[in-house]
Amino acid sequence: MASNQSTGMPPASKRSSSPALGGPMPTLIEENKSLVRRFIHAIEGGDFAVFDEIVSPDYNDHLAGQNPGRENLKQYFAGARSAFPDLELPIIYMVAEGDKVAALTGFRGTHKGSYGGFEATGKRIDGTAFQLYRIENGQLTEHWEILDYWTIIRPLQGA
C-alpha cells in the first residue's frame, strides 16, 4: 500500500528527516523555542558567555529603563543573579509563530543582594512574567516583557 491515509501521515518521500538521526528535522519554530529555552537556562546558570552566541549584539529590550545591546543585557542579568543567586525562571507556557516566541515564566529566588533600591532581605520572591522574543538569523534580537512587579517588590517592602 503506497498511501498512508489510515494514519494521516504523508508518504515517507514527503516527510523531512534528519539523516543523522533518522527522524524528523526540527522546524524553525521549534529551533526558535529551543533558542529561548537555552537563553533562559543560561540566565539561571549565570552562563552569560552563551549570550555571545545566541543574542544579537544590538539586542533591543523594550523593558522600560533597559538600555539596548547584548553587553547591557549581560550586566542586567549579572545584577539580577547577584541579588537573587538562586534565581529560577521556570517556563510555564511557551508558544511560537513565525519569528516570535512567547513564554509565560516564573521569577523565583531568595533576595540576598541589592535589587530595585532594596537591600537584601533574605525573603523569597515568587512572581510571573510574560516574555515575547523576536529571533533573526538564529539570535534573539528583541524582547518585550510584562512582569508582575508588585508580587516581587511587596515581600521586599515587608508587606
N, C-alpha and C. Protein backbone atom coordinates (compact mmCIF):
# COMPACT_ATOMS: atom_id res chain seq x y z
N MET A 1 0.85 -1.17 0.00
CA MET A 1 0.00 0.00 0.00
C MET A 1 0.90 1.23 0.00
N ALA A 2 0.74 2.09 -1.00
CA ALA A 2 1.59 3.27 -1.14
C ALA A 2 1.09 4.45 -0.34
N SER A 3 -0.15 4.42 0.07
CA SER A 3 -0.73 5.56 0.77
C SER A 3 -0.77 5.32 2.27
N ASN A 4 -0.67 6.39 3.03
CA ASN A 4 -0.78 6.33 4.49
C ASN A 4 -2.06 7.01 4.95
N GLN A 5 -3.14 6.85 4.19
CA GLN A 5 -4.38 7.53 4.52
C GLN A 5 -4.91 7.12 5.89
N SER A 6 -4.72 5.88 6.26
CA SER A 6 -5.25 5.42 7.54
C SER A 6 -4.54 6.07 8.72
N THR A 7 -3.28 6.45 8.56
CA THR A 7 -2.54 7.07 9.66
C THR A 7 -2.54 8.58 9.60
N GLY A 8 -2.92 9.13 8.46
CA GLY A 8 -2.88 10.57 8.31
C GLY A 8 -1.50 11.11 8.04
N MET A 9 -0.52 10.20 7.94
CA MET A 9 0.87 10.61 7.69
C MET A 9 1.10 10.79 6.20
N PRO A 10 1.90 11.79 5.81
CA PRO A 10 2.26 11.90 4.40
C PRO A 10 3.18 10.75 4.04
N PRO A 11 3.28 10.42 2.76
CA PRO A 11 4.22 9.37 2.35
C PRO A 11 5.63 9.73 2.80
N ALA A 12 6.45 8.73 3.04
CA ALA A 12 7.82 8.95 3.53
C ALA A 12 8.58 9.91 2.63
N SER A 13 8.33 9.90 1.36
CA SER A 13 9.04 10.78 0.43
C SER A 13 8.71 12.25 0.66
N LYS A 14 7.60 12.54 1.33
CA LYS A 14 7.17 13.93 1.57
C LYS A 14 7.55 14.42 2.96
N ARG A 15 8.03 13.54 3.85
CA ARG A 15 8.40 13.93 5.21
C ARG A 15 9.83 14.41 5.26
N SER A 16 10.11 15.47 6.10
CA SER A 16 11.50 15.89 6.30
C SER A 16 12.11 14.96 7.33
N SER A 17 13.37 14.71 7.15
CA SER A 17 14.04 13.89 8.15
C SER A 17 15.49 14.30 8.27
N SER A 18 16.06 13.94 9.39
CA SER A 18 17.47 14.20 9.64
C SER A 18 18.22 12.91 9.35
N PRO A 19 19.08 12.93 8.35
CA PRO A 19 19.82 11.71 8.03
C PRO A 19 20.62 11.18 9.22
N ALA A 20 21.16 12.06 10.03
CA ALA A 20 21.99 11.63 11.15
C ALA A 20 21.17 10.92 12.22
N LEU A 21 19.95 11.37 12.43
CA LEU A 21 19.12 10.80 13.49
C LEU A 21 18.04 9.88 12.96
N GLY A 22 17.79 9.93 11.65
CA GLY A 22 16.75 9.10 11.07
C GLY A 22 15.35 9.56 11.44
N GLY A 23 15.21 10.79 11.95
CA GLY A 23 13.91 11.27 12.35
C GLY A 23 13.60 12.61 11.73
N PRO A 24 12.47 13.18 12.12
CA PRO A 24 12.08 14.47 11.56
C PRO A 24 13.07 15.58 11.92
N MET A 25 13.27 16.50 11.00
CA MET A 25 14.12 17.66 11.26
C MET A 25 13.30 18.68 12.03
N PRO A 26 13.92 19.38 12.97
CA PRO A 26 13.16 20.39 13.72
C PRO A 26 12.74 21.53 12.80
N THR A 27 11.57 22.05 13.07
CA THR A 27 11.10 23.20 12.30
C THR A 27 11.76 24.45 12.83
N LEU A 28 11.68 25.53 12.06
CA LEU A 28 12.22 26.81 12.51
C LEU A 28 11.56 27.24 13.82
N ILE A 29 10.27 27.00 13.95
CA ILE A 29 9.56 27.36 15.19
C ILE A 29 10.14 26.59 16.37
N GLU A 30 10.39 25.29 16.19
CA GLU A 30 10.98 24.51 17.28
C GLU A 30 12.40 24.98 17.59
N GLU A 31 13.15 25.36 16.58
CA GLU A 31 14.50 25.88 16.80
C GLU A 31 14.44 27.20 17.58
N ASN A 32 13.48 28.05 17.24
CA ASN A 32 13.32 29.32 17.96
C ASN A 32 12.95 29.09 19.42
N LYS A 33 12.05 28.15 19.68
CA LYS A 33 11.68 27.83 21.05
C LYS A 33 12.88 27.28 21.82
N SER A 34 13.66 26.45 21.16
CA SER A 34 14.86 25.90 21.79
C SER A 34 15.86 27.01 22.13
N LEU A 35 15.97 28.00 21.26
CA LEU A 35 16.87 29.14 21.50
C LEU A 35 16.44 29.91 22.75
N VAL A 36 15.14 30.14 22.91
CA VAL A 36 14.64 30.85 24.10
C VAL A 36 14.88 30.01 25.35
N ARG A 37 14.64 28.71 25.26
CA ARG A 37 14.93 27.83 26.42
C ARG A 37 16.41 27.91 26.80
N ARG A 38 17.29 27.89 25.81
CA ARG A 38 18.74 27.97 26.06
C ARG A 38 19.10 29.29 26.73
N PHE A 39 18.48 30.38 26.29
CA PHE A 39 18.70 31.70 26.87
C PHE A 39 18.29 31.71 28.34
N ILE A 40 17.10 31.20 28.62
CA ILE A 40 16.60 31.19 29.99
C ILE A 40 17.49 30.33 30.88
N HIS A 41 17.92 29.17 30.39
CA HIS A 41 18.81 28.31 31.18
C HIS A 41 20.16 28.98 31.42
N ALA A 42 20.65 29.75 30.44
CA ALA A 42 21.92 30.48 30.62
C ALA A 42 21.77 31.53 31.73
N ILE A 43 20.63 32.20 31.77
CA ILE A 43 20.38 33.19 32.83
C ILE A 43 20.37 32.49 34.19
N GLU A 44 19.62 31.40 34.29
CA GLU A 44 19.52 30.67 35.56
C GLU A 44 20.89 30.19 36.03
N GLY A 45 21.72 29.76 35.10
CA GLY A 45 23.04 29.24 35.45
C GLY A 45 24.13 30.28 35.51
N GLY A 46 23.79 31.54 35.18
CA GLY A 46 24.80 32.60 35.20
C GLY A 46 25.84 32.44 34.11
N ASP A 47 25.49 31.74 33.03
CA ASP A 47 26.42 31.48 31.93
C ASP A 47 26.24 32.52 30.82
N PHE A 48 26.67 33.74 31.09
CA PHE A 48 26.43 34.85 30.17
C PHE A 48 27.31 34.82 28.94
N ALA A 49 28.34 33.99 28.93
CA ALA A 49 29.17 33.84 27.73
C ALA A 49 28.34 33.27 26.58
N VAL A 50 27.32 32.49 26.89
CA VAL A 50 26.42 31.93 25.87
C VAL A 50 25.73 33.05 25.10
N PHE A 51 25.52 34.19 25.74
CA PHE A 51 24.85 35.32 25.08
C PHE A 51 25.60 35.73 23.81
N ASP A 52 26.93 35.59 23.80
CA ASP A 52 27.71 35.99 22.62
C ASP A 52 27.30 35.19 21.39
N GLU A 53 26.79 34.01 21.60
CA GLU A 53 26.37 33.14 20.51
C GLU A 53 24.90 33.32 20.15
N ILE A 54 24.04 33.52 21.14
CA ILE A 54 22.60 33.45 20.88
C ILE A 54 21.86 34.79 20.97
N VAL A 55 22.55 35.85 21.36
CA VAL A 55 21.92 37.18 21.47
C VAL A 55 22.61 38.13 20.49
N SER A 56 21.81 38.84 19.71
CA SER A 56 22.34 39.81 18.76
C SER A 56 23.09 40.92 19.49
N PRO A 57 24.21 41.40 18.93
CA PRO A 57 24.96 42.49 19.59
C PRO A 57 24.11 43.74 19.80
N ASP A 58 23.13 43.98 18.92
CA ASP A 58 22.29 45.17 19.04
C ASP A 58 20.90 44.82 19.59
N TYR A 59 20.83 43.80 20.43
CA TYR A 59 19.61 43.35 21.08
C TYR A 59 18.82 44.55 21.61
N ASN A 60 17.54 44.59 21.31
CA ASN A 60 16.69 45.70 21.74
C ASN A 60 15.69 45.19 22.76
N ASP A 61 15.90 45.55 24.02
CA ASP A 61 14.99 45.17 25.09
C ASP A 61 14.04 46.32 25.32
N HIS A 62 12.77 46.08 25.10
CA HIS A 62 11.76 47.13 25.23
C HIS A 62 11.29 47.31 26.67
N LEU A 63 11.97 46.70 27.61
CA LEU A 63 11.67 46.86 29.03
C LEU A 63 12.05 48.29 29.44
N ALA A 64 11.15 48.98 30.09
CA ALA A 64 11.39 50.37 30.49
C ALA A 64 12.68 50.50 31.28
N GLY A 65 13.51 51.44 30.89
CA GLY A 65 14.76 51.71 31.59
C GLY A 65 15.92 50.83 31.16
N GLN A 66 15.66 49.86 30.31
CA GLN A 66 16.73 48.95 29.87
C GLN A 66 17.41 49.52 28.63
N ASN A 67 18.72 49.59 28.65
CA ASN A 67 19.48 50.06 27.51
C ASN A 67 19.68 48.93 26.50
N PRO A 68 19.72 49.26 25.20
CA PRO A 68 19.89 48.22 24.20
C PRO A 68 21.31 47.65 24.21
N GLY A 69 21.43 46.47 23.61
CA GLY A 69 22.75 45.86 23.44
C GLY A 69 22.96 44.63 24.29
N ARG A 70 23.69 43.69 23.73
CA ARG A 70 23.98 42.42 24.40
C ARG A 70 24.78 42.64 25.69
N GLU A 71 25.75 43.54 25.67
CA GLU A 71 26.58 43.75 26.86
C GLU A 71 25.75 44.32 28.02
N ASN A 72 24.82 45.22 27.72
CA ASN A 72 23.93 45.74 28.76
C ASN A 72 23.04 44.65 29.33
N LEU A 73 22.61 43.73 28.46
CA LEU A 73 21.80 42.61 28.91
C LEU A 73 22.58 41.72 29.87
N LYS A 74 23.84 41.47 29.56
CA LYS A 74 24.69 40.68 30.45
C LYS A 74 24.80 41.35 31.83
N GLN A 75 25.01 42.67 31.83
CA GLN A 75 25.14 43.40 33.09
C GLN A 75 23.84 43.33 33.89
N TYR A 76 22.71 43.48 33.19
CA TYR A 76 21.41 43.44 33.86
C TYR A 76 21.22 42.10 34.58
N PHE A 77 21.46 41.00 33.85
CA PHE A 77 21.24 39.69 34.45
C PHE A 77 22.31 39.34 35.47
N ALA A 78 23.51 39.85 35.33
CA ALA A 78 24.53 39.65 36.37
C ALA A 78 24.07 40.31 37.67
N GLY A 79 23.45 41.50 37.56
CA GLY A 79 22.91 42.17 38.73
C GLY A 79 21.75 41.41 39.35
N ALA A 80 20.86 40.90 38.50
CA ALA A 80 19.72 40.12 38.99
C ALA A 80 20.19 38.85 39.68
N ARG A 81 21.21 38.18 39.11
CA ARG A 81 21.73 36.95 39.72
C ARG A 81 22.50 37.25 41.01
N SER A 82 23.09 38.44 41.09
CA SER A 82 23.77 38.83 42.32
C SER A 82 22.75 39.05 43.43
N ALA A 83 21.63 39.66 43.09
CA ALA A 83 20.57 39.92 44.07
C ALA A 83 19.81 38.65 44.44
N PHE A 84 19.66 37.76 43.45
CA PHE A 84 18.93 36.50 43.63
C PHE A 84 19.81 35.36 43.13
N PRO A 85 20.81 34.93 43.92
CA PRO A 85 21.76 33.93 43.44
C PRO A 85 21.13 32.58 43.08
N ASP A 86 19.95 32.31 43.62
CA ASP A 86 19.25 31.06 43.32
C ASP A 86 18.11 31.30 42.32
N LEU A 87 18.26 32.31 41.49
CA LEU A 87 17.23 32.71 40.53
C LEU A 87 16.77 31.53 39.67
N GLU A 88 15.46 31.36 39.62
CA GLU A 88 14.83 30.36 38.76
C GLU A 88 13.82 31.07 37.87
N LEU A 89 13.78 30.69 36.60
CA LEU A 89 12.84 31.25 35.64
C LEU A 89 12.10 30.11 34.95
N PRO A 90 11.31 29.35 35.70
CA PRO A 90 10.65 28.19 35.10
C PRO A 90 9.69 28.60 33.98
N ILE A 91 9.72 27.85 32.91
CA ILE A 91 8.82 28.10 31.79
C ILE A 91 7.50 27.41 32.09
N ILE A 92 6.45 28.21 32.17
CA ILE A 92 5.12 27.68 32.47
C ILE A 92 4.41 27.31 31.15
N TYR A 93 4.44 28.23 30.20
CA TYR A 93 3.89 28.01 28.87
C TYR A 93 4.81 28.64 27.84
N MET A 94 4.85 28.05 26.64
CA MET A 94 5.62 28.63 25.56
C MET A 94 4.90 28.33 24.24
N VAL A 95 4.72 29.37 23.43
CA VAL A 95 4.15 29.22 22.10
C VAL A 95 4.98 30.05 21.13
N ALA A 96 4.91 29.67 19.86
CA ALA A 96 5.70 30.39 18.86
C ALA A 96 4.95 30.45 17.54
N GLU A 97 5.24 31.50 16.82
CA GLU A 97 4.71 31.68 15.48
C GLU A 97 5.68 32.56 14.71
N GLY A 98 6.03 32.15 13.51
CA GLY A 98 6.95 32.94 12.70
C GLY A 98 8.26 33.17 13.43
N ASP A 99 8.67 34.44 13.52
CA ASP A 99 9.94 34.77 14.18
C ASP A 99 9.77 35.17 15.64
N LYS A 100 8.60 34.90 16.24
CA LYS A 100 8.31 35.29 17.62
C LYS A 100 8.11 34.05 18.51
N VAL A 101 8.59 34.17 19.74
CA VAL A 101 8.35 33.15 20.76
C VAL A 101 7.82 33.87 22.00
N ALA A 102 6.69 33.40 22.50
CA ALA A 102 6.10 33.95 23.71
C ALA A 102 6.22 32.92 24.83
N ALA A 103 6.57 33.39 26.01
CA ALA A 103 6.71 32.48 27.15
C ALA A 103 6.16 33.14 28.41
N LEU A 104 5.40 32.38 29.15
CA LEU A 104 5.00 32.77 30.49
C LEU A 104 5.97 32.08 31.41
N THR A 105 6.72 32.86 32.17
CA THR A 105 7.76 32.30 33.03
C THR A 105 7.54 32.70 34.48
N GLY A 106 8.09 31.92 35.37
CA GLY A 106 8.15 32.31 36.76
C GLY A 106 9.38 33.18 36.98
N PHE A 107 9.42 33.83 38.11
CA PHE A 107 10.59 34.61 38.55
C PHE A 107 10.71 34.34 40.04
N ARG A 108 11.63 33.44 40.41
CA ARG A 108 11.72 32.99 41.79
C ARG A 108 13.16 33.09 42.28
N GLY A 109 13.29 33.42 43.55
CA GLY A 109 14.62 33.45 44.13
C GLY A 109 14.60 34.04 45.52
N THR A 110 15.74 33.95 46.18
CA THR A 110 15.91 34.50 47.53
C THR A 110 16.69 35.79 47.42
N HIS A 111 16.14 36.85 48.00
CA HIS A 111 16.71 38.20 47.90
C HIS A 111 17.93 38.32 48.82
N LYS A 112 19.13 38.16 48.24
CA LYS A 112 20.36 38.18 49.03
C LYS A 112 21.29 39.32 48.66
N GLY A 113 20.81 40.24 47.82
CA GLY A 113 21.63 41.38 47.43
C GLY A 113 20.74 42.53 47.01
N SER A 114 21.33 43.69 46.79
CA SER A 114 20.57 44.88 46.43
C SER A 114 19.82 44.69 45.11
N TYR A 115 18.55 45.10 45.10
CA TYR A 115 17.73 44.97 43.91
C TYR A 115 16.61 46.02 43.96
N GLY A 116 16.48 46.78 42.90
CA GLY A 116 15.39 47.75 42.81
C GLY A 116 15.37 48.76 43.95
N GLY A 117 16.54 49.07 44.50
CA GLY A 117 16.61 50.02 45.60
C GLY A 117 16.40 49.40 46.97
N PHE A 118 16.24 48.09 47.02
CA PHE A 118 16.04 47.39 48.29
C PHE A 118 17.29 46.58 48.62
N GLU A 119 17.79 46.76 49.84
CA GLU A 119 18.92 45.96 50.30
C GLU A 119 18.42 44.54 50.59
N ALA A 120 19.33 43.59 50.68
CA ALA A 120 18.98 42.19 50.88
C ALA A 120 18.05 42.01 52.07
N THR A 121 16.99 41.23 51.86
CA THR A 121 16.02 40.95 52.92
C THR A 121 16.05 39.48 53.33
N GLY A 122 16.63 38.63 52.49
CA GLY A 122 16.60 37.19 52.75
C GLY A 122 15.26 36.56 52.44
N LYS A 123 14.32 37.37 51.93
CA LYS A 123 12.98 36.85 51.64
C LYS A 123 12.93 36.20 50.26
N ARG A 124 12.07 35.23 50.15
CA ARG A 124 11.86 34.51 48.89
C ARG A 124 10.79 35.25 48.08
N ILE A 125 11.06 35.43 46.81
CA ILE A 125 10.08 36.05 45.91
C ILE A 125 9.60 35.00 44.93
N ASP A 126 8.38 35.18 44.45
CA ASP A 126 7.79 34.24 43.50
C ASP A 126 6.78 35.01 42.66
N GLY A 127 7.19 35.39 41.45
CA GLY A 127 6.32 36.15 40.56
C GLY A 127 6.25 35.50 39.20
N THR A 128 5.53 36.15 38.30
CA THR A 128 5.42 35.66 36.93
C THR A 128 5.69 36.80 35.96
N ALA A 129 6.09 36.42 34.76
CA ALA A 129 6.36 37.40 33.71
C ALA A 129 5.94 36.82 32.37
N PHE A 130 5.45 37.68 31.51
CA PHE A 130 5.16 37.29 30.13
C PHE A 130 6.29 37.86 29.28
N GLN A 131 6.93 37.01 28.51
CA GLN A 131 8.06 37.40 27.67
C GLN A 131 7.69 37.20 26.20
N LEU A 132 8.07 38.12 25.36
CA LEU A 132 7.93 37.96 23.92
C LEU A 132 9.28 38.25 23.30
N TYR A 133 9.80 37.30 22.54
CA TYR A 133 11.10 37.43 21.90
C TYR A 133 10.93 37.41 20.38
N ARG A 134 11.79 38.18 19.69
CA ARG A 134 11.88 38.10 18.24
C ARG A 134 13.25 37.54 17.90
N ILE A 135 13.27 36.60 16.99
CA ILE A 135 14.50 35.93 16.60
C ILE A 135 14.81 36.25 15.14
N GLU A 136 16.07 36.53 14.87
CA GLU A 136 16.52 36.80 13.50
C GLU A 136 17.89 36.16 13.32
N ASN A 137 18.05 35.41 12.26
CA ASN A 137 19.32 34.74 11.95
C ASN A 137 19.84 33.91 13.12
N GLY A 138 18.93 33.23 13.81
CA GLY A 138 19.34 32.34 14.89
C GLY A 138 19.76 33.03 16.17
N GLN A 139 19.44 34.33 16.31
CA GLN A 139 19.78 35.07 17.54
C GLN A 139 18.57 35.85 18.04
N LEU A 140 18.51 36.02 19.35
CA LEU A 140 17.48 36.87 19.94
C LEU A 140 17.81 38.31 19.58
N THR A 141 16.82 39.04 19.03
CA THR A 141 17.08 40.41 18.61
C THR A 141 16.21 41.44 19.34
N GLU A 142 15.02 41.02 19.79
CA GLU A 142 14.13 41.95 20.51
C GLU A 142 13.41 41.20 21.62
N HIS A 143 13.00 41.98 22.62
CA HIS A 143 12.30 41.41 23.78
C HIS A 143 11.32 42.43 24.35
N TRP A 144 10.13 41.94 24.69
CA TRP A 144 9.12 42.72 25.40
C TRP A 144 8.75 41.90 26.63
N GLU A 145 8.40 42.58 27.72
CA GLU A 145 8.09 41.85 28.95
C GLU A 145 7.00 42.58 29.73
N ILE A 146 6.13 41.79 30.30
CA ILE A 146 5.18 42.29 31.30
C ILE A 146 5.44 41.46 32.54
N LEU A 147 5.92 42.12 33.59
CA LEU A 147 6.34 41.46 34.82
C LEU A 147 5.38 41.82 35.95
N ASP A 148 5.01 40.83 36.73
CA ASP A 148 4.18 41.06 37.91
C ASP A 148 5.10 41.65 38.99
N TYR A 149 5.50 42.90 38.77
CA TYR A 149 6.49 43.55 39.61
C TYR A 149 6.02 43.68 41.06
N TRP A 150 4.75 43.94 41.27
CA TRP A 150 4.23 44.12 42.63
C TRP A 150 4.41 42.86 43.45
N THR A 151 4.18 41.69 42.86
CA THR A 151 4.35 40.43 43.58
C THR A 151 5.80 40.24 43.99
N ILE A 152 6.72 40.78 43.22
CA ILE A 152 8.14 40.66 43.55
C ILE A 152 8.55 41.68 44.60
N ILE A 153 8.10 42.91 44.44
CA ILE A 153 8.51 44.01 45.33
C ILE A 153 7.82 43.95 46.70
N ARG A 154 6.58 43.53 46.74
CA ARG A 154 5.83 43.51 48.01
C ARG A 154 6.58 42.79 49.13
N PRO A 155 7.13 41.59 48.92
CA PRO A 155 7.87 40.96 50.02
C PRO A 155 9.13 41.74 50.42
N LEU A 156 9.73 42.43 49.46
CA LEU A 156 10.95 43.19 49.76
C LEU A 156 10.63 44.42 50.60
N GLN A 157 9.41 44.91 50.50
CA GLN A 157 8.97 46.06 51.29
C GLN A 157 8.51 45.65 52.67
N GLY A 158 8.37 44.36 52.90
CA GLY A 158 7.90 43.89 54.18
C GLY A 158 6.40 43.82 54.27
N ALA A 159 5.71 43.99 53.14
CA ALA A 159 4.22 43.95 53.15
C ALA A 159 3.73 42.52 53.21
